[in-house]
Amino acid sequence: MPRTRRCRYPNCHAMVAFPDHYCQQHYEHEAEYLASRQRWARSNDKQYTHKYNTVTRYRNEDKRQQYSFYRTRQWSHLRQRVLERDHYLCAYCKVQGVITPAKTVDHVRPVEAFPDDKDNINNLAVICGSCHHAKTDWERSYYGTGQGNELQSVTPIDDVSAIVVLMNEK
């Protein structure tokens, strides 16, 4: 049985077979309707596609390995162990005396600067969204991480409370 729908003409209840939009009695409106749909699609095309693929990722081999690590079973087990260890609470907020629930696990020392510590459970801490944003900004200025920056040779900071102090100074 062919698919059918109602005629688009106001108060006309005749059924029309796909792909038509108007019945035989009102078929003269079909071309006008299709033209208006094409005009609308052309004018609204950018509205729906302007956000597609806006994030540009690194395309070098080091970054590819870093991103692929987060899709491994090893990372999911490490992440779960850290979440349970820290009771799903942001370690950075806890240092400031605030209890904030969180589900993100972050490397205290960034993987980009210290790739050997990516699977070290002592280098992982639970972090909330606002602290993660502030810490990422701090890492960019202190370690030189991020796209377009050059890594700086500085002493690594392993203590979460020291990082919180430095993050709040900025």
N, C-alpha and C. Protein backbone atom coordinates (compact mmCIF):
# COMPACT_ATOMS: atom_id res chain seq x y z
N MET A 1 0.84 -1.17 0.00
CA MET A 1 0.00 0.00 0.00
C MET A 1 0.90 1.25 0.00
N PRO A 2 0.65 2.19 -0.89
CA PRO A 2 1.50 3.39 -0.97
C PRO A 2 1.26 4.32 0.23
N ARG A 3 2.29 5.05 0.56
CA ARG A 3 2.18 6.03 1.64
C ARG A 3 1.32 7.19 1.16
N THR A 4 0.49 7.68 2.07
CA THR A 4 -0.40 8.80 1.72
C THR A 4 -0.34 9.85 2.81
N ARG A 5 -0.81 11.04 2.44
CA ARG A 5 -0.94 12.14 3.40
C ARG A 5 -2.07 13.04 2.93
N ARG A 6 -2.44 14.00 3.78
CA ARG A 6 -3.52 14.92 3.44
C ARG A 6 -3.04 16.00 2.49
N CYS A 7 -3.94 16.50 1.70
CA CYS A 7 -3.66 17.62 0.80
C CYS A 7 -3.34 18.85 1.64
N ARG A 8 -2.34 19.63 1.23
CA ARG A 8 -1.91 20.80 1.99
C ARG A 8 -2.83 22.01 1.81
N TYR A 9 -3.75 21.94 0.89
CA TYR A 9 -4.67 23.07 0.66
C TYR A 9 -5.60 23.20 1.88
N PRO A 10 -5.82 24.43 2.39
CA PRO A 10 -6.65 24.62 3.58
C PRO A 10 -8.05 24.02 3.42
N ASN A 11 -8.48 23.29 4.42
CA ASN A 11 -9.81 22.66 4.51
C ASN A 11 -10.05 21.59 3.46
N CYS A 12 -9.04 21.12 2.78
CA CYS A 12 -9.18 20.01 1.85
C CYS A 12 -8.71 18.75 2.56
N HIS A 13 -9.56 17.76 2.64
CA HIS A 13 -9.24 16.54 3.39
C HIS A 13 -8.95 15.36 2.47
N ALA A 14 -8.68 15.64 1.20
CA ALA A 14 -8.39 14.55 0.26
C ALA A 14 -7.01 13.96 0.58
N MET A 15 -6.87 12.66 0.33
CA MET A 15 -5.61 11.97 0.56
C MET A 15 -4.79 11.99 -0.72
N VAL A 16 -3.46 12.17 -0.56
CA VAL A 16 -2.55 12.31 -1.69
C VAL A 16 -1.43 11.27 -1.51
N ALA A 17 -1.04 10.62 -2.59
CA ALA A 17 0.07 9.66 -2.54
C ALA A 17 1.40 10.42 -2.54
N PHE A 18 2.37 9.89 -1.77
CA PHE A 18 3.71 10.48 -1.77
C PHE A 18 4.29 10.40 -3.17
N PRO A 19 5.10 11.30 -3.62
CA PRO A 19 5.68 12.46 -2.94
C PRO A 19 4.88 13.74 -3.13
N ASP A 20 3.69 13.68 -3.70
CA ASP A 20 2.88 14.88 -3.93
C ASP A 20 2.40 15.49 -2.61
N HIS A 21 2.11 16.81 -2.66
CA HIS A 21 1.62 17.52 -1.49
C HIS A 21 0.18 18.00 -1.67
N TYR A 22 -0.31 18.03 -2.90
CA TYR A 22 -1.66 18.52 -3.20
C TYR A 22 -2.43 17.48 -4.01
N CYS A 23 -3.74 17.49 -3.83
CA CYS A 23 -4.61 16.56 -4.57
C CYS A 23 -4.77 17.04 -6.01
N GLN A 24 -5.50 16.26 -6.85
CA GLN A 24 -5.69 16.61 -8.26
C GLN A 24 -6.45 17.93 -8.40
N GLN A 25 -7.35 18.21 -7.50
CA GLN A 25 -8.15 19.43 -7.57
C GLN A 25 -7.30 20.68 -7.29
N HIS A 26 -6.27 20.56 -6.44
CA HIS A 26 -5.44 21.71 -6.07
C HIS A 26 -4.00 21.57 -6.54
N TYR A 27 -3.76 20.75 -7.53
CA TYR A 27 -2.40 20.43 -7.97
C TYR A 27 -1.64 21.65 -8.51
N GLU A 28 -2.34 22.71 -8.91
CA GLU A 28 -1.66 23.90 -9.44
C GLU A 28 -0.80 24.59 -8.38
N HIS A 29 -1.01 24.30 -7.10
CA HIS A 29 -0.23 24.91 -6.02
C HIS A 29 1.07 24.14 -5.72
N GLU A 30 1.22 22.97 -6.30
CA GLU A 30 2.38 22.11 -6.02
C GLU A 30 3.71 22.79 -6.37
N ALA A 31 3.83 23.35 -7.57
CA ALA A 31 5.09 23.97 -8.00
C ALA A 31 5.44 25.17 -7.11
N GLU A 32 4.43 25.96 -6.77
CA GLU A 32 4.65 27.12 -5.91
C GLU A 32 5.13 26.68 -4.52
N TYR A 33 4.55 25.61 -3.99
CA TYR A 33 4.93 25.10 -2.68
C TYR A 33 6.37 24.57 -2.69
N LEU A 34 6.73 23.82 -3.70
CA LEU A 34 8.09 23.29 -3.80
C LEU A 34 9.11 24.40 -3.95
N ALA A 35 8.76 25.45 -4.70
CA ALA A 35 9.68 26.59 -4.86
C ALA A 35 9.88 27.30 -3.52
N SER A 36 8.81 27.46 -2.76
CA SER A 36 8.94 28.13 -1.45
C SER A 36 9.79 27.29 -0.49
N ARG A 37 9.68 25.96 -0.56
CA ARG A 37 10.50 25.08 0.29
C ARG A 37 11.98 25.20 -0.09
N GLN A 38 12.27 25.29 -1.38
CA GLN A 38 13.66 25.42 -1.81
C GLN A 38 14.24 26.78 -1.38
N ARG A 39 13.43 27.85 -1.49
CA ARG A 39 13.88 29.16 -1.04
C ARG A 39 14.20 29.14 0.45
N TRP A 40 13.33 28.52 1.23
CA TRP A 40 13.53 28.44 2.67
C TRP A 40 14.79 27.64 2.99
N ALA A 41 15.00 26.53 2.32
CA ALA A 41 16.17 25.68 2.56
C ALA A 41 17.46 26.42 2.23
N ARG A 42 17.46 27.18 1.13
CA ARG A 42 18.66 27.93 0.77
C ARG A 42 18.95 29.04 1.78
N SER A 43 17.93 29.71 2.27
CA SER A 43 18.15 30.82 3.19
C SER A 43 18.50 30.35 4.60
N ASN A 44 18.08 29.15 4.97
CA ASN A 44 18.32 28.66 6.32
C ASN A 44 19.41 27.60 6.39
N ASP A 45 20.13 27.39 5.32
CA ASP A 45 21.15 26.35 5.29
C ASP A 45 22.25 26.60 6.31
N LYS A 46 22.76 27.82 6.39
CA LYS A 46 23.86 28.13 7.29
C LYS A 46 23.42 28.09 8.75
N GLN A 47 22.16 28.33 9.00
CA GLN A 47 21.65 28.31 10.36
C GLN A 47 21.85 26.93 11.00
N TYR A 48 21.77 25.89 10.21
CA TYR A 48 21.87 24.54 10.74
C TYR A 48 23.25 23.92 10.56
N THR A 49 24.07 24.46 9.70
CA THR A 49 25.36 23.84 9.46
C THR A 49 26.54 24.65 9.95
N HIS A 50 26.32 25.84 10.50
CA HIS A 50 27.46 26.68 10.87
C HIS A 50 28.23 26.14 12.05
N LYS A 51 27.62 25.30 12.90
CA LYS A 51 28.32 24.77 14.06
C LYS A 51 28.93 23.40 13.79
N TYR A 52 28.71 22.86 12.62
CA TYR A 52 29.21 21.53 12.33
C TYR A 52 30.73 21.53 12.21
N ASN A 53 31.37 20.69 12.96
CA ASN A 53 32.81 20.49 12.87
C ASN A 53 33.62 21.76 13.16
N THR A 54 33.23 22.52 14.19
CA THR A 54 33.94 23.76 14.46
C THR A 54 35.18 23.54 15.31
N VAL A 55 35.27 22.43 16.03
CA VAL A 55 36.43 22.17 16.88
C VAL A 55 37.54 21.57 16.04
N THR A 56 38.68 22.24 16.02
CA THR A 56 39.83 21.75 15.28
C THR A 56 40.75 21.03 16.24
N ARG A 57 41.00 19.78 16.00
CA ARG A 57 41.86 18.99 16.85
C ARG A 57 43.27 18.94 16.26
N TYR A 58 44.24 18.66 17.16
CA TYR A 58 45.60 18.43 16.68
C TYR A 58 45.56 17.24 15.72
N ARG A 59 46.39 17.28 14.74
CA ARG A 59 46.45 16.18 13.79
C ARG A 59 47.82 15.51 13.78
N ASN A 60 48.56 15.62 14.88
CA ASN A 60 49.86 14.95 14.92
C ASN A 60 49.74 13.62 15.67
N GLU A 61 50.77 12.81 15.60
CA GLU A 61 50.71 11.45 16.14
C GLU A 61 50.64 11.43 17.67
N ASP A 62 51.31 12.36 18.34
CA ASP A 62 51.27 12.39 19.80
C ASP A 62 49.86 12.61 20.31
N LYS A 63 49.17 13.57 19.73
CA LYS A 63 47.80 13.86 20.14
C LYS A 63 46.87 12.71 19.79
N ARG A 64 47.10 12.07 18.67
CA ARG A 64 46.28 10.94 18.28
C ARG A 64 46.38 9.82 19.32
N GLN A 65 47.60 9.58 19.82
CA GLN A 65 47.79 8.56 20.86
C GLN A 65 47.13 8.98 22.17
N GLN A 66 47.21 10.27 22.51
CA GLN A 66 46.56 10.75 23.73
C GLN A 66 45.06 10.56 23.66
N TYR A 67 44.44 10.93 22.54
CA TYR A 67 42.99 10.80 22.40
C TYR A 67 42.57 9.33 22.39
N SER A 68 43.38 8.47 21.78
CA SER A 68 43.01 7.06 21.72
C SER A 68 43.13 6.40 23.08
N PHE A 69 44.00 6.91 23.97
CA PHE A 69 44.12 6.35 25.31
C PHE A 69 42.81 6.46 26.07
N TYR A 70 42.08 7.54 25.87
CA TYR A 70 40.83 7.75 26.60
C TYR A 70 39.70 6.83 26.11
N ARG A 71 39.94 6.06 25.08
CA ARG A 71 38.94 5.10 24.59
C ARG A 71 39.31 3.66 24.96
N THR A 72 40.31 3.48 25.81
CA THR A 72 40.75 2.14 26.16
C THR A 72 40.05 1.65 27.43
N ARG A 73 40.08 0.35 27.61
CA ARG A 73 39.53 -0.27 28.81
C ARG A 73 40.37 0.12 30.02
N GLN A 74 41.67 0.27 29.82
CA GLN A 74 42.56 0.66 30.92
C GLN A 74 42.12 2.00 31.51
N TRP A 75 41.82 2.99 30.63
CA TRP A 75 41.40 4.29 31.11
C TRP A 75 40.06 4.21 31.82
N SER A 76 39.12 3.45 31.31
CA SER A 76 37.80 3.37 31.95
C SER A 76 37.91 2.75 33.34
N HIS A 77 38.79 1.76 33.52
CA HIS A 77 38.99 1.16 34.84
C HIS A 77 39.70 2.14 35.78
N LEU A 78 40.73 2.82 35.29
CA LEU A 78 41.41 3.83 36.10
C LEU A 78 40.45 4.93 36.54
N ARG A 79 39.66 5.40 35.60
CA ARG A 79 38.71 6.47 35.87
C ARG A 79 37.73 6.05 36.95
N GLN A 80 37.20 4.84 36.84
CA GLN A 80 36.23 4.35 37.81
C GLN A 80 36.86 4.22 39.20
N ARG A 81 38.10 3.74 39.27
CA ARG A 81 38.79 3.61 40.55
C ARG A 81 39.00 4.97 41.21
N VAL A 82 39.35 5.98 40.41
CA VAL A 82 39.58 7.32 40.95
C VAL A 82 38.26 7.94 41.42
N LEU A 83 37.19 7.76 40.65
CA LEU A 83 35.89 8.29 41.05
C LEU A 83 35.44 7.69 42.38
N GLU A 84 35.62 6.38 42.53
CA GLU A 84 35.24 5.74 43.78
C GLU A 84 36.17 6.14 44.93
N ARG A 85 37.46 6.30 44.64
CA ARG A 85 38.42 6.72 45.66
C ARG A 85 38.06 8.10 46.21
N ASP A 86 37.70 9.02 45.31
CA ASP A 86 37.39 10.39 45.72
C ASP A 86 35.91 10.62 45.98
N HIS A 87 35.10 9.55 45.96
CA HIS A 87 33.67 9.61 46.27
C HIS A 87 32.90 10.57 45.37
N TYR A 88 33.30 10.68 44.12
CA TYR A 88 32.63 11.53 43.13
C TYR A 88 32.58 13.00 43.57
N LEU A 89 33.58 13.45 44.31
CA LEU A 89 33.64 14.84 44.78
C LEU A 89 34.88 15.52 44.21
N CYS A 90 34.71 16.77 43.79
CA CYS A 90 35.81 17.54 43.20
C CYS A 90 36.91 17.76 44.24
N ALA A 91 38.11 17.28 43.92
CA ALA A 91 39.25 17.43 44.84
C ALA A 91 39.68 18.88 44.96
N TYR A 92 39.52 19.67 43.91
CA TYR A 92 39.95 21.06 43.91
C TYR A 92 39.00 21.93 44.74
N CYS A 93 37.70 21.63 44.68
CA CYS A 93 36.73 22.35 45.52
C CYS A 93 36.89 21.94 46.98
N LYS A 94 37.20 20.66 47.22
CA LYS A 94 37.34 20.14 48.58
C LYS A 94 38.48 20.86 49.31
N VAL A 95 39.54 21.20 48.58
CA VAL A 95 40.66 21.94 49.17
C VAL A 95 40.20 23.32 49.63
N GLN A 96 39.25 23.91 48.92
CA GLN A 96 38.73 25.23 49.25
C GLN A 96 37.61 25.17 50.28
N GLY A 97 37.24 23.95 50.73
CA GLY A 97 36.20 23.80 51.74
C GLY A 97 34.80 23.73 51.17
N VAL A 98 34.68 23.43 49.89
CA VAL A 98 33.38 23.34 49.23
C VAL A 98 33.19 21.90 48.76
N ILE A 99 31.99 21.36 48.94
CA ILE A 99 31.69 20.01 48.48
C ILE A 99 30.93 20.12 47.16
N THR A 100 31.54 19.64 46.09
CA THR A 100 30.94 19.71 44.76
C THR A 100 30.98 18.34 44.11
N PRO A 101 29.82 17.81 43.71
CA PRO A 101 29.83 16.52 43.00
C PRO A 101 30.41 16.68 41.60
N ALA A 102 31.14 15.66 41.15
CA ALA A 102 31.77 15.73 39.83
C ALA A 102 31.95 14.33 39.27
N LYS A 103 32.04 14.24 37.94
CA LYS A 103 32.24 12.95 37.28
C LYS A 103 33.43 12.97 36.32
N THR A 104 34.17 14.05 36.28
CA THR A 104 35.32 14.15 35.38
C THR A 104 36.58 13.80 36.14
N VAL A 105 37.43 13.00 35.52
CA VAL A 105 38.72 12.66 36.10
C VAL A 105 39.79 13.38 35.30
N ASP A 106 40.68 14.09 36.02
CA ASP A 106 41.67 14.95 35.39
C ASP A 106 43.07 14.53 35.83
N HIS A 107 44.03 14.74 34.96
CA HIS A 107 45.43 14.51 35.31
C HIS A 107 45.95 15.74 36.05
N VAL A 108 46.55 15.53 37.22
CA VAL A 108 47.09 16.63 38.00
C VAL A 108 48.23 17.27 37.22
N ARG A 109 49.14 16.44 36.74
CA ARG A 109 50.17 16.90 35.81
C ARG A 109 49.70 16.57 34.40
N PRO A 110 49.64 17.52 33.49
CA PRO A 110 49.02 17.27 32.17
C PRO A 110 49.77 16.21 31.36
N VAL A 111 49.00 15.42 30.64
CA VAL A 111 49.55 14.35 29.81
C VAL A 111 50.43 14.91 28.71
N GLU A 112 50.09 16.06 28.21
CA GLU A 112 50.86 16.66 27.13
C GLU A 112 52.29 16.96 27.56
N ALA A 113 52.47 17.37 28.82
CA ALA A 113 53.80 17.69 29.32
C ALA A 113 54.49 16.48 29.94
N PHE A 114 53.70 15.55 30.48
CA PHE A 114 54.25 14.36 31.15
C PHE A 114 53.53 13.10 30.66
N PRO A 115 53.83 12.63 29.47
CA PRO A 115 53.10 11.50 28.90
C PRO A 115 53.30 10.19 29.64
N ASP A 116 54.38 10.04 30.40
CA ASP A 116 54.62 8.79 31.12
C ASP A 116 53.67 8.63 32.31
N ASP A 117 53.08 9.72 32.79
CA ASP A 117 52.20 9.66 33.96
C ASP A 117 50.72 9.56 33.59
N LYS A 118 50.41 9.25 32.36
CA LYS A 118 49.00 9.24 31.96
C LYS A 118 48.21 8.11 32.62
N ASP A 119 48.87 6.99 32.97
CA ASP A 119 48.15 5.89 33.60
C ASP A 119 48.54 5.71 35.07
N ASN A 120 49.13 6.73 35.68
CA ASN A 120 49.48 6.71 37.09
C ASN A 120 48.28 7.17 37.91
N ILE A 121 47.76 6.30 38.77
CA ILE A 121 46.55 6.64 39.53
C ILE A 121 46.81 7.77 40.52
N ASN A 122 48.05 7.96 40.94
CA ASN A 122 48.37 9.06 41.85
C ASN A 122 48.40 10.41 41.14
N ASN A 123 48.37 10.40 39.82
CA ASN A 123 48.35 11.63 39.03
C ASN A 123 46.92 12.01 38.61
N LEU A 124 45.93 11.30 39.13
CA LEU A 124 44.54 11.54 38.73
C LEU A 124 43.73 12.07 39.90
N ALA A 125 42.80 12.97 39.59
CA ALA A 125 41.90 13.53 40.60
C ALA A 125 40.56 13.84 39.96
N VAL A 126 39.50 13.76 40.75
CA VAL A 126 38.16 14.12 40.27
C VAL A 126 38.06 15.64 40.28
N ILE A 127 37.40 16.17 39.24
CA ILE A 127 37.33 17.63 39.09
C ILE A 127 35.97 18.02 38.52
N CYS A 128 35.43 19.14 39.00
CA CYS A 128 34.15 19.64 38.46
C CYS A 128 34.42 20.49 37.22
N GLY A 129 33.37 20.89 36.54
CA GLY A 129 33.52 21.63 35.29
C GLY A 129 34.18 22.98 35.45
N SER A 130 33.78 23.75 36.46
CA SER A 130 34.36 25.09 36.62
C SER A 130 35.83 25.03 37.02
N CYS A 131 36.17 24.08 37.91
CA CYS A 131 37.58 23.92 38.28
C CYS A 131 38.41 23.40 37.11
N HIS A 132 37.82 22.53 36.30
CA HIS A 132 38.54 21.99 35.14
C HIS A 132 38.86 23.10 34.14
N HIS A 133 37.91 23.99 33.95
CA HIS A 133 38.14 25.13 33.04
C HIS A 133 39.26 26.03 33.58
N ALA A 134 39.20 26.34 34.88
CA ALA A 134 40.23 27.21 35.48
C ALA A 134 41.59 26.52 35.46
N LYS A 135 41.62 25.21 35.72
CA LYS A 135 42.89 24.48 35.73
C LYS A 135 43.48 24.41 34.33
N THR A 136 42.64 24.21 33.33
CA THR A 136 43.13 24.17 31.95
C THR A 136 43.76 25.50 31.56
N ASP A 137 43.12 26.60 31.94
CA ASP A 137 43.70 27.92 31.67
C ASP A 137 45.03 28.09 32.39
N TRP A 138 45.10 27.63 33.63
CA TRP A 138 46.34 27.73 34.40
C TRP A 138 47.44 26.88 33.77
N GLU A 139 47.09 25.66 33.33
CA GLU A 139 48.07 24.77 32.69
C GLU A 139 48.63 25.40 31.41
N ARG A 140 47.79 26.08 30.67
CA ARG A 140 48.26 26.72 29.44
C ARG A 140 49.30 27.79 29.74
N SER A 141 49.09 28.53 30.82
CA SER A 141 50.06 29.58 31.14
C SER A 141 51.30 29.03 31.84
N TYR A 142 51.14 28.03 32.71
CA TYR A 142 52.26 27.52 33.48
C TYR A 142 53.10 26.51 32.69
N TYR A 143 52.46 25.48 32.14
CA TYR A 143 53.18 24.43 31.42
C TYR A 143 53.34 24.73 29.93
N GLY A 144 52.51 25.60 29.40
CA GLY A 144 52.56 25.88 27.96
C GLY A 144 51.83 24.84 27.14
N THR A 145 50.82 24.20 27.71
CA THR A 145 50.05 23.19 26.98
C THR A 145 49.02 23.87 26.10
N GLY A 146 48.43 23.11 25.23
CA GLY A 146 47.37 23.63 24.37
C GLY A 146 47.87 23.93 22.97
N GLN A 147 46.92 24.06 22.08
CA GLN A 147 47.23 24.29 20.68
C GLN A 147 47.84 25.67 20.49
N GLY A 148 48.96 25.71 19.78
CA GLY A 148 49.63 26.98 19.50
C GLY A 148 50.63 27.40 20.56
N ASN A 149 50.69 26.68 21.68
CA ASN A 149 51.65 27.01 22.73
C ASN A 149 52.85 26.08 22.66
N GLU A 150 53.94 26.51 23.27
CA GLU A 150 55.15 25.69 23.32
C GLU A 150 55.38 25.25 24.75
N LEU A 151 55.64 23.96 24.95
CA LEU A 151 55.85 23.43 26.29
C LEU A 151 57.05 24.09 26.95
N GLN A 152 56.87 24.45 28.22
CA GLN A 152 57.93 25.10 28.98
C GLN A 152 58.53 24.10 29.95
N SER A 153 59.81 24.20 30.21
CA SER A 153 60.45 23.29 31.16
C SER A 153 60.38 23.92 32.55
N VAL A 154 59.35 23.55 33.30
CA VAL A 154 59.14 24.04 34.66
C VAL A 154 59.03 22.85 35.59
N THR A 155 59.15 23.09 36.87
CA THR A 155 59.03 21.99 37.82
C THR A 155 57.56 21.59 37.94
N PRO A 156 57.28 20.28 37.87
CA PRO A 156 55.89 19.85 37.96
C PRO A 156 55.32 20.04 39.36
N ILE A 157 54.07 20.38 39.45
CA ILE A 157 53.39 20.56 40.73
C ILE A 157 52.43 19.39 40.88
N ASP A 158 52.64 18.57 41.93
CA ASP A 158 51.84 17.37 42.14
C ASP A 158 50.73 17.57 43.17
N ASP A 159 50.80 18.61 43.96
CA ASP A 159 49.86 18.82 45.06
C ASP A 159 48.65 19.61 44.58
N VAL A 160 47.47 19.05 44.81
CA VAL A 160 46.23 19.70 44.37
C VAL A 160 46.04 21.04 45.08
N SER A 161 46.35 21.10 46.38
CA SER A 161 46.17 22.35 47.12
C SER A 161 47.09 23.45 46.59
N ALA A 162 48.31 23.10 46.19
CA ALA A 162 49.21 24.11 45.62
C ALA A 162 48.69 24.59 44.27
N ILE A 163 48.13 23.69 43.49
CA ILE A 163 47.56 24.08 42.19
C ILE A 163 46.38 25.02 42.39
N VAL A 164 45.54 24.73 43.40
CA VAL A 164 44.37 25.59 43.68
C VAL A 164 44.83 27.00 44.03
N VAL A 165 45.89 27.12 44.85
CA VAL A 165 46.41 28.43 45.22
C VAL A 165 46.89 29.17 43.98
N LEU A 166 47.63 28.48 43.11
CA LEU A 166 48.15 29.10 41.89
C LEU A 166 47.03 29.45 40.90
N MET A 167 46.00 28.59 40.85
CA MET A 167 44.86 28.87 39.97
C MET A 167 44.11 30.12 40.40
N ASN A 168 43.96 30.30 41.72
CA ASN A 168 43.22 31.44 42.24
C ASN A 168 44.00 32.74 42.18
N GLU A 169 45.34 32.64 42.09
CA GLU A 169 46.16 33.86 41.94
C GLU A 169 45.99 34.48 40.59
N LYS A 170 45.75 33.66 39.60
CA LYS A 170 45.66 34.15 38.23
C LYS A 170 44.45 35.00 38.01
